[in-house]
Structures are given as C-alpha cells and as structure tokens.
Full PDB file with SEQRES, HELIX, SHEET, SSBOND, CRYST1, ORIGX, SCALE, CONECT and MASTER records, all heavy atoms in Angstrom:
SEQRES   1 A   39  GLY GLY SER ALA PRO HIS THR ALA LYS ARG VAL VAL TYR          
SEQRES   2 A   39  LEU SER LYS SER PRO GLY TRP LEU ASP ASP ILE TYR GLY          
SEQRES   3 A   39  ILE TYR LEU ALA THR GLY LYS ARG LEU PRO LEU LEU ARG          
HELIX    1 AA1 SER A    3  LEU A   14  1                                  12    
HELIX    2 AA2 LEU A   21  ILE A   24  5                                   4    
CRYST1    1.000    1.000    1.000  90.00  90.00  90.00 P 1           1          
ORIGX1      1.000000  0.000000  0.000000        0.00000                         
ORIGX2      0.000000  1.000000  0.000000        0.00000                         
ORIGX3      0.000000  0.000000  1.000000        0.00000                         
SCALE1      1.000000  0.000000  0.000000        0.00000                         
SCALE2      0.000000  1.000000  0.000000        0.00000                         
SCALE3      0.000000  0.000000  1.000000        0.00000                         
ATOM      1  N   GLY A   1       0.844  -1.191   0.000  1.00  0.00           N  
ATOM      2  CA  GLY A   1      -0.001   0.000   0.003  1.00  0.00           C  
ATOM      3  C   GLY A   1       0.875   1.229  -0.003  1.00  0.00           C  
ATOM      4  O   GLY A   1       2.104   1.156   0.005  1.00  0.00           O  
ATOM      5  N   GLY A   2       0.248   2.370  -0.037  1.00  0.00           N  
ATOM      6  CA  GLY A   2       0.996   3.629   0.013  1.00  0.00           C  
ATOM      7  C   GLY A   2       1.813   3.884  -1.224  1.00  0.00           C  
ATOM      8  O   GLY A   2       1.293   3.971  -2.334  1.00  0.00           O  
ATOM      9  N   SER A   3       3.125   3.960  -1.056  1.00  0.00           N  
ATOM     10  CA  SER A   3       4.011   4.321  -2.159  1.00  0.00           C  
ATOM     11  C   SER A   3       4.099   3.254  -3.246  1.00  0.00           C  
ATOM     12  O   SER A   3       4.336   3.579  -4.395  1.00  0.00           O  
ATOM     13  CB  SER A   3       5.420   4.620  -1.635  1.00  0.00           C  
ATOM     14  OG  SER A   3       5.399   5.765  -0.815  1.00  0.00           O  
ATOM     15  N   ALA A   4       3.897   1.989  -2.883  1.00  0.00           N  
ATOM     16  CA  ALA A   4       4.028   0.904  -3.874  1.00  0.00           C  
ATOM     17  C   ALA A   4       3.066   1.069  -5.047  1.00  0.00           C  
ATOM     18  O   ALA A   4       3.487   1.100  -6.202  1.00  0.00           O  
ATOM     19  CB  ALA A   4       3.891  -0.451  -3.219  1.00  0.00           C  
ATOM     20  N   PRO A   5       1.753   1.173  -4.814  1.00  0.00           N  
ATOM     21  CA  PRO A   5       0.860   1.297  -5.958  1.00  0.00           C  
ATOM     22  C   PRO A   5       0.990   2.643  -6.669  1.00  0.00           C  
ATOM     23  O   PRO A   5       0.839   2.721  -7.896  1.00  0.00           O  
ATOM     24  CB  PRO A   5      -0.545   1.103  -5.370  1.00  0.00           C  
ATOM     25  CG  PRO A   5      -0.403   1.425  -3.929  1.00  0.00           C  
ATOM     26  CD  PRO A   5       1.014   1.034  -3.558  1.00  0.00           C  
ATOM     27  N   HIS A   6       1.271   3.693  -5.933  1.00  0.00           N  
ATOM     28  CA  HIS A   6       1.422   5.007  -6.569  1.00  0.00           C  
ATOM     29  C   HIS A   6       2.635   5.020  -7.479  1.00  0.00           C  
ATOM     30  O   HIS A   6       2.603   5.577  -8.578  1.00  0.00           O  
ATOM     31  CB  HIS A   6       1.521   6.111  -5.505  1.00  0.00           C  
ATOM     32  CG  HIS A   6       0.292   6.266  -4.700  1.00  0.00           C  
ATOM     33  ND1 HIS A   6      -0.919   6.654  -5.248  1.00  0.00           N  
ATOM     34  CD2 HIS A   6       0.043   6.072  -3.399  1.00  0.00           C  
ATOM     35  CE1 HIS A   6      -1.838   6.696  -4.311  1.00  0.00           C  
ATOM     36  NE2 HIS A   6      -1.266   6.333  -3.183  1.00  0.00           N  
ATOM     37  N   THR A   7       3.716   4.405  -7.038  1.00  0.00           N  
ATOM     38  CA  THR A   7       4.911   4.306  -7.865  1.00  0.00           C  
ATOM     39  C   THR A   7       4.668   3.421  -9.071  1.00  0.00           C  
ATOM     40  O   THR A   7       5.043   3.762 -10.196  1.00  0.00           O  
ATOM     41  CB  THR A   7       6.085   3.758  -7.033  1.00  0.00           C  
ATOM     42  OG1 THR A   7       6.357   4.662  -5.960  1.00  0.00           O  
ATOM     43  CG2 THR A   7       7.341   3.599  -7.881  1.00  0.00           C  
ATOM     44  N   ALA A   8       4.011   2.290  -8.864  1.00  0.00           N  
ATOM     45  CA  ALA A   8       3.755   1.351  -9.953  1.00  0.00           C  
ATOM     46  C   ALA A   8       2.947   1.995 -11.066  1.00  0.00           C  
ATOM     47  O   ALA A   8       3.217   1.758 -12.249  1.00  0.00           O  
ATOM     48  CB  ALA A   8       3.018   0.121  -9.415  1.00  0.00           C  
ATOM     49  N   LYS A   9       1.980   2.830 -10.731  1.00  0.00           N  
ATOM     50  CA  LYS A   9       1.184   3.515 -11.756  1.00  0.00           C  
ATOM     51  C   LYS A   9       2.047   4.383 -12.646  1.00  0.00           C  
ATOM     52  O   LYS A   9       1.827   4.471 -13.857  1.00  0.00           O  
ATOM     53  CB  LYS A   9       0.084   4.361 -11.107  1.00  0.00           C  
ATOM     54  CG  LYS A   9      -1.030   3.542 -10.483  1.00  0.00           C  
ATOM     55  CD  LYS A   9      -2.140   4.416  -9.968  1.00  0.00           C  
ATOM     56  CE  LYS A   9      -1.725   5.117  -8.699  1.00  0.00           C  
ATOM     57  NZ  LYS A   9      -2.827   5.884  -8.093  1.00  0.00           N  
ATOM     58  N   ARG A  10       3.034   5.004 -12.078  1.00  0.00           N  
ATOM     59  CA  ARG A  10       3.930   5.858 -12.852  1.00  0.00           C  
ATOM     60  C   ARG A  10       4.917   5.017 -13.665  1.00  0.00           C  
ATOM     61  O   ARG A  10       5.241   5.342 -14.802  1.00  0.00           O  
ATOM     62  CB  ARG A  10       4.653   6.821 -11.931  1.00  0.00           C  
ATOM     63  CG  ARG A  10       3.696   7.878 -11.389  1.00  0.00           C  
ATOM     64  CD  ARG A  10       4.220   8.528 -10.120  1.00  0.00           C  
ATOM     65  NE  ARG A  10       3.312   9.548  -9.640  1.00  0.00           N  
ATOM     66  CZ  ARG A  10       2.250   9.335  -8.860  1.00  0.00           C  
ATOM     67  NH1 ARG A  10       1.954   8.088  -8.513  1.00  0.00           N  
ATOM     68  NH2 ARG A  10       1.474  10.314  -8.454  1.00  0.00           N  
ATOM     69  N   VAL A  11       5.397   3.936 -13.071  1.00  0.00           N  
ATOM     70  CA  VAL A  11       6.370   3.068 -13.740  1.00  0.00           C  
ATOM     71  C   VAL A  11       5.762   2.422 -14.988  1.00  0.00           C  
ATOM     72  O   VAL A  11       6.403   2.366 -16.035  1.00  0.00           O  
ATOM     73  CB  VAL A  11       6.926   2.001 -12.767  1.00  0.00           C  
ATOM     74  CG1 VAL A  11       7.695   0.927 -13.491  1.00  0.00           C  
ATOM     75  CG2 VAL A  11       7.796   2.667 -11.705  1.00  0.00           C  
ATOM     76  N   VAL A  12       4.523   1.932 -14.883  1.00  0.00           N  
ATOM     77  CA  VAL A  12       3.932   1.268 -16.049  1.00  0.00           C  
ATOM     78  C   VAL A  12       3.760   2.236 -17.211  1.00  0.00           C  
ATOM     79  O   VAL A  12       3.860   1.847 -18.373  1.00  0.00           O  
ATOM     80  CB  VAL A  12       2.578   0.568 -15.736  1.00  0.00           C  
ATOM     81  CG1 VAL A  12       2.783  -0.535 -14.714  1.00  0.00           C  
ATOM     82  CG2 VAL A  12       1.509   1.530 -15.282  1.00  0.00           C  
ATOM     83  N   TYR A  13       3.545   3.489 -16.912  1.00  0.00           N  
ATOM     84  CA  TYR A  13       3.441   4.492 -17.971  1.00  0.00           C  
ATOM     85  C   TYR A  13       4.818   4.836 -18.543  1.00  0.00           C  
ATOM     86  O   TYR A  13       5.021   4.794 -19.746  1.00  0.00           O  
ATOM     87  CB  TYR A  13       2.770   5.767 -17.456  1.00  0.00           C  
ATOM     88  CG  TYR A  13       2.710   6.834 -18.498  1.00  0.00           C  
ATOM     89  CD1 TYR A  13       1.727   6.787 -19.488  1.00  0.00           C  
ATOM     90  CD2 TYR A  13       3.643   7.847 -18.559  1.00  0.00           C  
ATOM     91  CE1 TYR A  13       1.683   7.748 -20.484  1.00  0.00           C  
ATOM     92  CE2 TYR A  13       3.607   8.809 -19.539  1.00  0.00           C  
ATOM     93  CZ  TYR A  13       2.627   8.753 -20.504  1.00  0.00           C  
ATOM     94  OH  TYR A  13       2.594   9.700 -21.498  1.00  0.00           O  
ATOM     95  N   LEU A  14       5.741   5.167 -17.672  1.00  0.00           N  
ATOM     96  CA  LEU A  14       7.076   5.599 -18.139  1.00  0.00           C  
ATOM     97  C   LEU A  14       7.848   4.477 -18.835  1.00  0.00           C  
ATOM     98  O   LEU A  14       8.736   4.755 -19.632  1.00  0.00           O  
ATOM     99  CB  LEU A  14       7.882   6.126 -16.955  1.00  0.00           C  
ATOM    100  CG  LEU A  14       7.362   7.435 -16.348  1.00  0.00           C  
ATOM    101  CD1 LEU A  14       8.129   7.769 -15.082  1.00  0.00           C  
ATOM    102  CD2 LEU A  14       7.446   8.562 -17.349  1.00  0.00           C  
ATOM    103  N   SER A  15       7.496   3.231 -18.551  1.00  0.00           N  
ATOM    104  CA  SER A  15       8.183   2.105 -19.198  1.00  0.00           C  
ATOM    105  C   SER A  15       7.835   1.982 -20.679  1.00  0.00           C  
ATOM    106  O   SER A  15       8.611   1.421 -21.442  1.00  0.00           O  
ATOM    107  CB  SER A  15       7.810   0.796 -18.499  1.00  0.00           C  
ATOM    108  OG  SER A  15       8.262   0.824 -17.170  1.00  0.00           O  
ATOM    109  N   LYS A  16       6.691   2.476 -21.086  1.00  0.00           N  
ATOM    110  CA  LYS A  16       6.229   2.310 -22.466  1.00  0.00           C  
ATOM    111  C   LYS A  16       6.079   3.622 -23.223  1.00  0.00           C  
ATOM    112  O   LYS A  16       5.845   3.617 -24.413  1.00  0.00           O  
ATOM    113  CB  LYS A  16       4.858   1.604 -22.472  1.00  0.00           C  
ATOM    114  CG  LYS A  16       4.886   0.191 -21.983  1.00  0.00           C  
ATOM    115  CD  LYS A  16       5.614  -0.732 -22.902  1.00  0.00           C  
ATOM    116  CE  LYS A  16       4.761  -1.079 -24.080  1.00  0.00           C  
ATOM    117  NZ  LYS A  16       5.360  -2.053 -24.972  1.00  0.00           N  
ATOM    118  N   SER A  17       6.198   4.741 -22.562  1.00  0.00           N  
ATOM    119  CA  SER A  17       5.966   6.025 -23.206  1.00  0.00           C  
ATOM    120  C   SER A  17       7.197   6.910 -23.098  1.00  0.00           C  
ATOM    121  O   SER A  17       7.903   6.849 -22.091  1.00  0.00           O  
ATOM    122  CB  SER A  17       4.774   6.730 -22.547  1.00  0.00           C  
ATOM    123  OG  SER A  17       3.610   5.965 -22.717  1.00  0.00           O  
ATOM    124  N   PRO A  18       7.439   7.711 -24.117  1.00  0.00           N  
ATOM    125  CA  PRO A  18       8.581   8.624 -24.039  1.00  0.00           C  
ATOM    126  C   PRO A  18       8.315   9.728 -23.047  1.00  0.00           C  
ATOM    127  O   PRO A  18       7.178   9.990 -22.669  1.00  0.00           O  
ATOM    128  CB  PRO A  18       8.684   9.166 -25.470  1.00  0.00           C  
ATOM    129  CG  PRO A  18       7.291   9.073 -25.998  1.00  0.00           C  
ATOM    130  CD  PRO A  18       6.687   7.855 -25.354  1.00  0.00           C  
ATOM    131  N   GLY A  19       9.351  10.341 -22.621  1.00  0.00           N  
ATOM    132  CA  GLY A  19       9.195  11.457 -21.698  1.00  0.00           C  
ATOM    133  C   GLY A  19       9.680  11.115 -20.316  1.00  0.00           C  
ATOM    134  O   GLY A  19      10.198  10.034 -20.049  1.00  0.00           O  
ATOM    135  N   TRP A  20       9.489  12.054 -19.443  1.00  0.00           N  
ATOM    136  CA  TRP A  20       9.970  11.957 -18.070  1.00  0.00           C  
ATOM    137  C   TRP A  20       8.799  12.225 -17.137  1.00  0.00           C  
ATOM    138  O   TRP A  20       7.777  12.772 -17.532  1.00  0.00           O  
ATOM    139  CB  TRP A  20      11.124  12.933 -17.864  1.00  0.00           C  
ATOM    140  CG  TRP A  20      11.757  12.861 -16.520  1.00  0.00           C  
ATOM    141  CD1 TRP A  20      11.833  13.846 -15.602  1.00  0.00           C  
ATOM    142  CD2 TRP A  20      12.426  11.750 -15.922  1.00  0.00           C  
ATOM    143  NE1 TRP A  20      12.486  13.420 -14.477  1.00  0.00           N  
ATOM    144  CE2 TRP A  20      12.859  12.121 -14.661  1.00  0.00           C  
ATOM    145  CE3 TRP A  20      12.674  10.444 -16.348  1.00  0.00           C  
ATOM    146  CZ2 TRP A  20      13.548  11.261 -13.786  1.00  0.00           C  
ATOM    147  CZ3 TRP A  20      13.352   9.585 -15.477  1.00  0.00           C  
ATOM    148  CH2 TRP A  20      13.791  10.005 -14.232  1.00  0.00           C  
ATOM    149  N   LEU A  21       8.944  11.880 -15.895  1.00  0.00           N  
ATOM    150  CA  LEU A  21       7.873  11.998 -14.913  1.00  0.00           C  
ATOM    151  C   LEU A  21       7.307  13.418 -14.865  1.00  0.00           C  
ATOM    152  O   LEU A  21       6.092  13.611 -14.831  1.00  0.00           O  
ATOM    153  CB  LEU A  21       8.397  11.574 -13.536  1.00  0.00           C  
ATOM    154  CG  LEU A  21       7.387  11.478 -12.423  1.00  0.00           C  
ATOM    155  CD1 LEU A  21       6.289  10.480 -12.753  1.00  0.00           C  
ATOM    156  CD2 LEU A  21       8.065  11.083 -11.128  1.00  0.00           C  
ATOM    157  N   ASP A  22       8.170  14.404 -14.901  1.00  0.00           N  
ATOM    158  CA  ASP A  22       7.696  15.800 -14.825  1.00  0.00           C  
ATOM    159  C   ASP A  22       6.839  16.187 -16.016  1.00  0.00           C  
ATOM    160  O   ASP A  22       6.051  17.127 -15.928  1.00  0.00           O  
ATOM    161  CB  ASP A  22       8.884  16.755 -14.709  1.00  0.00           C  
ATOM    162  CG  ASP A  22       9.649  16.579 -13.404  1.00  0.00           C  
ATOM    163  OD1 ASP A  22       9.071  16.020 -12.453  1.00  0.00           O  
ATOM    164  OD2 ASP A  22      10.814  16.986 -13.352  1.00  0.00           O  
ATOM    165  N   ASP A  23       6.960  15.448 -17.128  1.00  0.00           N  
ATOM    166  CA  ASP A  23       6.174  15.757 -18.326  1.00  0.00           C  
ATOM    167  C   ASP A  23       4.704  15.372 -18.197  1.00  0.00           C  
ATOM    168  O   ASP A  23       3.892  15.808 -19.016  1.00  0.00           O  
ATOM    169  CB  ASP A  23       6.753  15.035 -19.542  1.00  0.00           C  
ATOM    170  CG  ASP A  23       8.181  15.460 -19.837  1.00  0.00           C  
ATOM    171  OD1 ASP A  23       8.575  16.583 -19.462  1.00  0.00           O  
ATOM    172  OD2 ASP A  23       8.910  14.647 -20.433  1.00  0.00           O  
ATOM    173  N   ILE A  24       4.371  14.521 -17.233  1.00  0.00           N  
ATOM    174  CA  ILE A  24       2.992  14.036 -17.164  1.00  0.00           C  
ATOM    175  C   ILE A  24       2.223  14.559 -15.968  1.00  0.00           C  
ATOM    176  O   ILE A  24       1.091  14.129 -15.718  1.00  0.00           O  
ATOM    177  CB  ILE A  24       2.944  12.496 -17.178  1.00  0.00           C  
ATOM    178  CG1 ILE A  24       3.692  11.890 -15.989  1.00  0.00           C  
ATOM    179  CG2 ILE A  24       3.458  11.953 -18.487  1.00  0.00           C  
ATOM    180  CD1 ILE A  24       3.462  10.397 -15.799  1.00  0.00           C  
ATOM    181  N   TYR A  25       2.788  15.468 -15.190  1.00  0.00           N  
ATOM    182  CA  TYR A  25       2.034  16.053 -14.077  1.00  0.00           C  
ATOM    183  C   TYR A  25       1.017  17.044 -14.622  1.00  0.00           C  
ATOM    184  O   TYR A  25       1.381  18.001 -15.285  1.00  0.00           O  
ATOM    185  CB  TYR A  25       2.964  16.737 -13.060  1.00  0.00           C  
ATOM    186  CG  TYR A  25       3.637  15.769 -12.141  1.00  0.00           C  
ATOM    187  CD1 TYR A  25       5.008  15.669 -12.064  1.00  0.00           C  
ATOM    188  CD2 TYR A  25       2.880  14.913 -11.345  1.00  0.00           C  
ATOM    189  CE1 TYR A  25       5.617  14.772 -11.209  1.00  0.00           C  
ATOM    190  CE2 TYR A  25       3.482  14.017 -10.484  1.00  0.00           C  
ATOM    191  CZ  TYR A  25       4.836  13.955 -10.423  1.00  0.00           C  
ATOM    192  OH  TYR A  25       5.444  13.060  -9.579  1.00  0.00           O  
ATOM    193  N   GLY A  26      -0.233  16.784 -14.361  1.00  0.00           N  
ATOM    194  CA  GLY A  26      -1.310  17.631 -14.823  1.00  0.00           C  
ATOM    195  C   GLY A  26      -2.437  16.765 -15.368  1.00  0.00           C  
ATOM    196  O   GLY A  26      -2.321  15.546 -15.478  1.00  0.00           O  
ATOM    197  N   ILE A  27      -3.504  17.385 -15.686  1.00  0.00           N  
ATOM    198  CA  ILE A  27      -4.697  16.671 -16.148  1.00  0.00           C  
ATOM    199  C   ILE A  27      -4.557  16.280 -17.611  1.00  0.00           C  
ATOM    200  O   ILE A  27      -4.195  17.121 -18.448  1.00  0.00           O  
ATOM    201  CB  ILE A  27      -5.948  17.549 -15.926  1.00  0.00           C  
ATOM    202  CG1 ILE A  27      -6.118  17.837 -14.444  1.00  0.00           C  
ATOM    203  CG2 ILE A  27      -7.193  16.875 -16.488  1.00  0.00           C  
ATOM    204  CD1 ILE A  27      -7.195  18.834 -14.121  1.00  0.00           C  
ATOM    205  N   TYR A  28      -4.830  15.022 -17.909  1.00  0.00           N  
ATOM    206  CA  TYR A  28      -4.843  14.475 -19.283  1.00  0.00           C  
ATOM    207  C   TYR A  28      -3.496  14.542 -19.996  1.00  0.00           C  
ATOM    208  O   TYR A  28      -3.447  14.592 -21.221  1.00  0.00           O  
ATOM    209  CB  TYR A  28      -5.922  15.152 -20.127  1.00  0.00           C  
ATOM    210  CG  TYR A  28      -7.285  15.103 -19.529  1.00  0.00           C  
ATOM    211  CD1 TYR A  28      -7.957  16.247 -19.180  1.00  0.00           C  
ATOM    212  CD2 TYR A  28      -7.910  13.881 -19.278  1.00  0.00           C  
ATOM    213  CE1 TYR A  28      -9.218  16.201 -18.615  1.00  0.00           C  
ATOM    214  CE2 TYR A  28      -9.175  13.817 -18.722  1.00  0.00           C  
ATOM    215  CZ  TYR A  28      -9.814  14.982 -18.385  1.00  0.00           C  
ATOM    216  OH  TYR A  28     -11.072  14.930 -17.819  1.00  0.00           O  
ATOM    217  N   LEU A  29      -2.395  14.531 -19.274  1.00  0.00           N  
ATOM    218  CA  LEU A  29      -1.076  14.592 -19.913  1.00  0.00           C  
ATOM    219  C   LEU A  29      -0.465  13.211 -20.123  1.00  0.00           C  
ATOM    220  O   LEU A  29       0.389  13.051 -20.990  1.00  0.00           O  
ATOM    221  CB  LEU A  29      -0.128  15.485 -19.108  1.00  0.00           C  
ATOM    222  CG  LEU A  29      -0.523  16.949 -19.010  1.00  0.00           C  
ATOM    223  CD1 LEU A  29       0.478  17.705 -18.162  1.00  0.00           C  
ATOM    224  CD2 LEU A  29      -0.640  17.569 -20.387  1.00  0.00           C  
ATOM    225  N   ALA A  30      -0.886  12.220 -19.365  1.00  0.00           N  
ATOM    226  CA  ALA A  30      -0.361  10.867 -19.504  1.00  0.00           C  
ATOM    227  C   ALA A  30      -1.271  10.092 -20.459  1.00  0.00           C  
ATOM    228  O   ALA A  30      -2.179   9.398 -20.049  1.00  0.00           O  
ATOM    229  CB  ALA A  30      -0.286  10.173 -18.145  1.00  0.00           C  
ATOM    230  N   THR A  31      -1.023  10.234 -21.753  1.00  0.00           N  
ATOM    231  CA  THR A  31      -1.914   9.645 -22.740  1.00  0.00           C  
ATOM    232  C   THR A  31      -1.251   8.544 -23.555  1.00  0.00           C  
ATOM    233  O   THR A  31      -1.852   8.012 -24.466  1.00  0.00           O  
ATOM    234  CB  THR A  31      -2.419  10.730 -23.716  1.00  0.00           C  
ATOM    235  OG1 THR A  31      -1.292  11.338 -24.336  1.00  0.00           O  
ATOM    236  CG2 THR A  31      -3.241  11.776 -22.982  1.00  0.00           C  
ATOM    237  N   GLY A  32      -0.013   8.203 -23.220  1.00  0.00           N  
ATOM    238  CA  GLY A  32       0.702   7.191 -23.993  1.00  0.00           C  
ATOM    239  C   GLY A  32       0.354   5.771 -23.574  1.00  0.00           C  
ATOM    240  O   GLY A  32      -0.532   5.525 -22.771  1.00  0.00           O  
ATOM    241  N   LYS A  33       1.112   4.837 -24.111  1.00  0.00           N  
ATOM    242  CA  LYS A  33       0.919   3.418 -23.807  1.00  0.00           C  
ATOM    243  C   LYS A  33       1.429   3.114 -22.404  1.00  0.00           C  
ATOM    244  O   LYS A  33       2.252   3.843 -21.851  1.00  0.00           O  
ATOM    245  CB  LYS A  33       1.658   2.554 -24.822  1.00  0.00           C  
ATOM    246  CG  LYS A  33       1.117   2.687 -26.218  1.00  0.00           C  
ATOM    247  CD  LYS A  33       1.860   1.791 -27.150  1.00  0.00           C  
ATOM    248  CE  LYS A  33       1.278   1.919 -28.549  1.00  0.00           C  
ATOM    249  NZ  LYS A  33       1.905   1.019 -29.498  1.00  0.00           N  
ATOM    250  N   ARG A  34       0.924   1.997 -21.860  1.00  0.00           N  
ATOM    251  CA  ARG A  34       1.307   1.557 -20.524  1.00  0.00           C  
ATOM    252  C   ARG A  34       1.496   0.043 -20.523  1.00  0.00           C  
ATOM    253  O   ARG A  34       0.898  -0.663 -21.309  1.00  0.00           O  
ATOM    254  CB  ARG A  34       0.218   1.894 -19.515  1.00  0.00           C  
ATOM    255  CG  ARG A  34      -0.032   3.361 -19.323  1.00  0.00           C  
ATOM    256  CD  ARG A  34      -1.364   3.573 -18.587  1.00  0.00           C  
ATOM    257  NE  ARG A  34      -1.583   4.960 -18.252  1.00  0.00           N  
ATOM    258  CZ  ARG A  34      -2.063   5.859 -19.078  1.00  0.00           C  
ATOM    259  NH1 ARG A  34      -2.375   5.542 -20.302  1.00  0.00           N  
ATOM    260  NH2 ARG A  34      -2.237   7.115 -18.684  1.00  0.00           N  
ATOM    261  N   LEU A  35       2.301  -0.429 -19.583  1.00  0.00           N  
ATOM    262  CA  LEU A  35       2.368  -1.855 -19.320  1.00  0.00           C  
ATOM    263  C   LEU A  35       1.142  -2.252 -18.506  1.00  0.00           C  
ATOM    264  O   LEU A  35       0.572  -1.429 -17.777  1.00  0.00           O  
ATOM    265  CB  LEU A  35       3.612  -2.191 -18.474  1.00  0.00           C  
ATOM    266  CG  LEU A  35       4.969  -2.105 -19.132  1.00  0.00           C  
ATOM    267  CD1 LEU A  35       6.069  -2.289 -18.101  1.00  0.00           C  
ATOM    268  CD2 LEU A  35       5.099  -3.148 -20.227  1.00  0.00           C  
ATOM    269  N   PRO A  36       0.727  -3.507 -18.569  1.00  0.00           N  
ATOM    270  CA  PRO A  36      -0.332  -3.965 -17.670  1.00  0.00           C  
ATOM    271  C   PRO A  36       0.129  -3.866 -16.212  1.00  0.00           C  
ATOM    272  O   PRO A  36       1.306  -4.097 -15.907  1.00  0.00           O  
ATOM    273  CB  PRO A  36      -0.540  -5.423 -18.068  1.00  0.00           C  
ATOM    274  CG  PRO A  36       0.009  -5.524 -19.462  1.00  0.00           C  
ATOM    275  CD  PRO A  36       1.134  -4.530 -19.530  1.00  0.00           C  
ATOM    276  N   LEU A  37      -0.788  -3.541 -15.329  1.00  0.00           N  
ATOM    277  CA  LEU A  37      -0.485  -3.389 -13.906  1.00  0.00           C  
ATOM    278  C   LEU A  37      -1.406  -4.296 -13.102  1.00  0.00           C  
ATOM    279  O   LEU A  37      -2.623  -4.219 -13.230  1.00  0.00           O  
ATOM    280  CB  LEU A  37      -0.664  -1.941 -13.463  1.00  0.00           C  
ATOM    281  CG  LEU A  37      -0.543  -1.648 -11.967  1.00  0.00           C  
ATOM    282  CD1 LEU A  37       0.826  -2.046 -11.437  1.00  0.00           C  
ATOM    283  CD2 LEU A  37      -0.832  -0.177 -11.682  1.00  0.00           C  
ATOM    284  N   LEU A  38      -0.807  -5.139 -12.283  1.00  0.00           N  
ATOM    285  CA  LEU A  38      -1.534  -5.980 -11.339  1.00  0.00           C  
ATOM    286  C   LEU A  38      -1.227  -5.447  -9.950  1.00  0.00           C  
ATOM    287  O   LEU A  38      -0.058  -5.213  -9.617  1.00  0.00           O  
ATOM    288  CB  LEU A  38      -1.068  -7.431 -11.457  1.00  0.00           C  
ATOM    289  CG  LEU A  38      -1.169  -8.015 -12.864  1.00  0.00           C  
ATOM    290  CD1 LEU A  38      -0.255  -9.196 -13.007  1.00  0.00           C  
ATOM    291  CD2 LEU A  38      -2.600  -8.382 -13.155  1.00  0.00           C  
ATOM    292  N   ARG A  39      -2.271  -5.246  -9.136  1.00  0.00           N  
ATOM    293  CA  ARG A  39      -2.071  -4.684  -7.807  1.00  0.00           C  
ATOM    294  C   ARG A  39      -2.568  -5.639  -6.741  1.00  0.00           C  
ATOM    295  O   ARG A  39      -3.680  -6.132  -6.831  1.00  0.00           O  
ATOM    296  CB  ARG A  39      -2.785  -3.344  -7.672  1.00  0.00           C  
ATOM    297  CG  ARG A  39      -2.185  -2.292  -8.541  1.00  0.00           C  
ATOM    298  CD  ARG A  39      -2.929  -0.987  -8.473  1.00  0.00           C  
ATOM    299  NE  ARG A  39      -3.194  -0.587  -7.109  1.00  0.00           N  
ATOM    300  CZ  ARG A  39      -3.983   0.427  -6.784  1.00  0.00           C  
ATOM    301  NH1 ARG A  39      -4.586   1.118  -7.702  1.00  0.00           N  
ATOM    302  NH2 ARG A  39      -4.182   0.734  -5.532  1.00  0.00           N  
TER     303      ARG A  39                                                      
MASTER        0    0    0    2    0    0    0    6  302    1    0    3          
END                                                                             
C-alpha cells in the first residue's frame, strides 16, 4: 500500500511512453501506452 501502488502507476506508464515524470504532471497529460499493472 501507500508508495508501492502510486509508484507502480507511474512506472507502467514511463516504461512504455517517451518522456519523463515531470512531463505528465497535470490533467490528461499521460496519454501514452502503458504496461499492464496488477495490484
């Protein structure tokens, strides 16, 4: 719980999409592909 699922959500996105974490802060900015996430 806590940091684990929050981090995983970002990792699955950044693993498949170009850019850096700071590029996706904001509404509707993370629109690229993602890895499947199991929680």
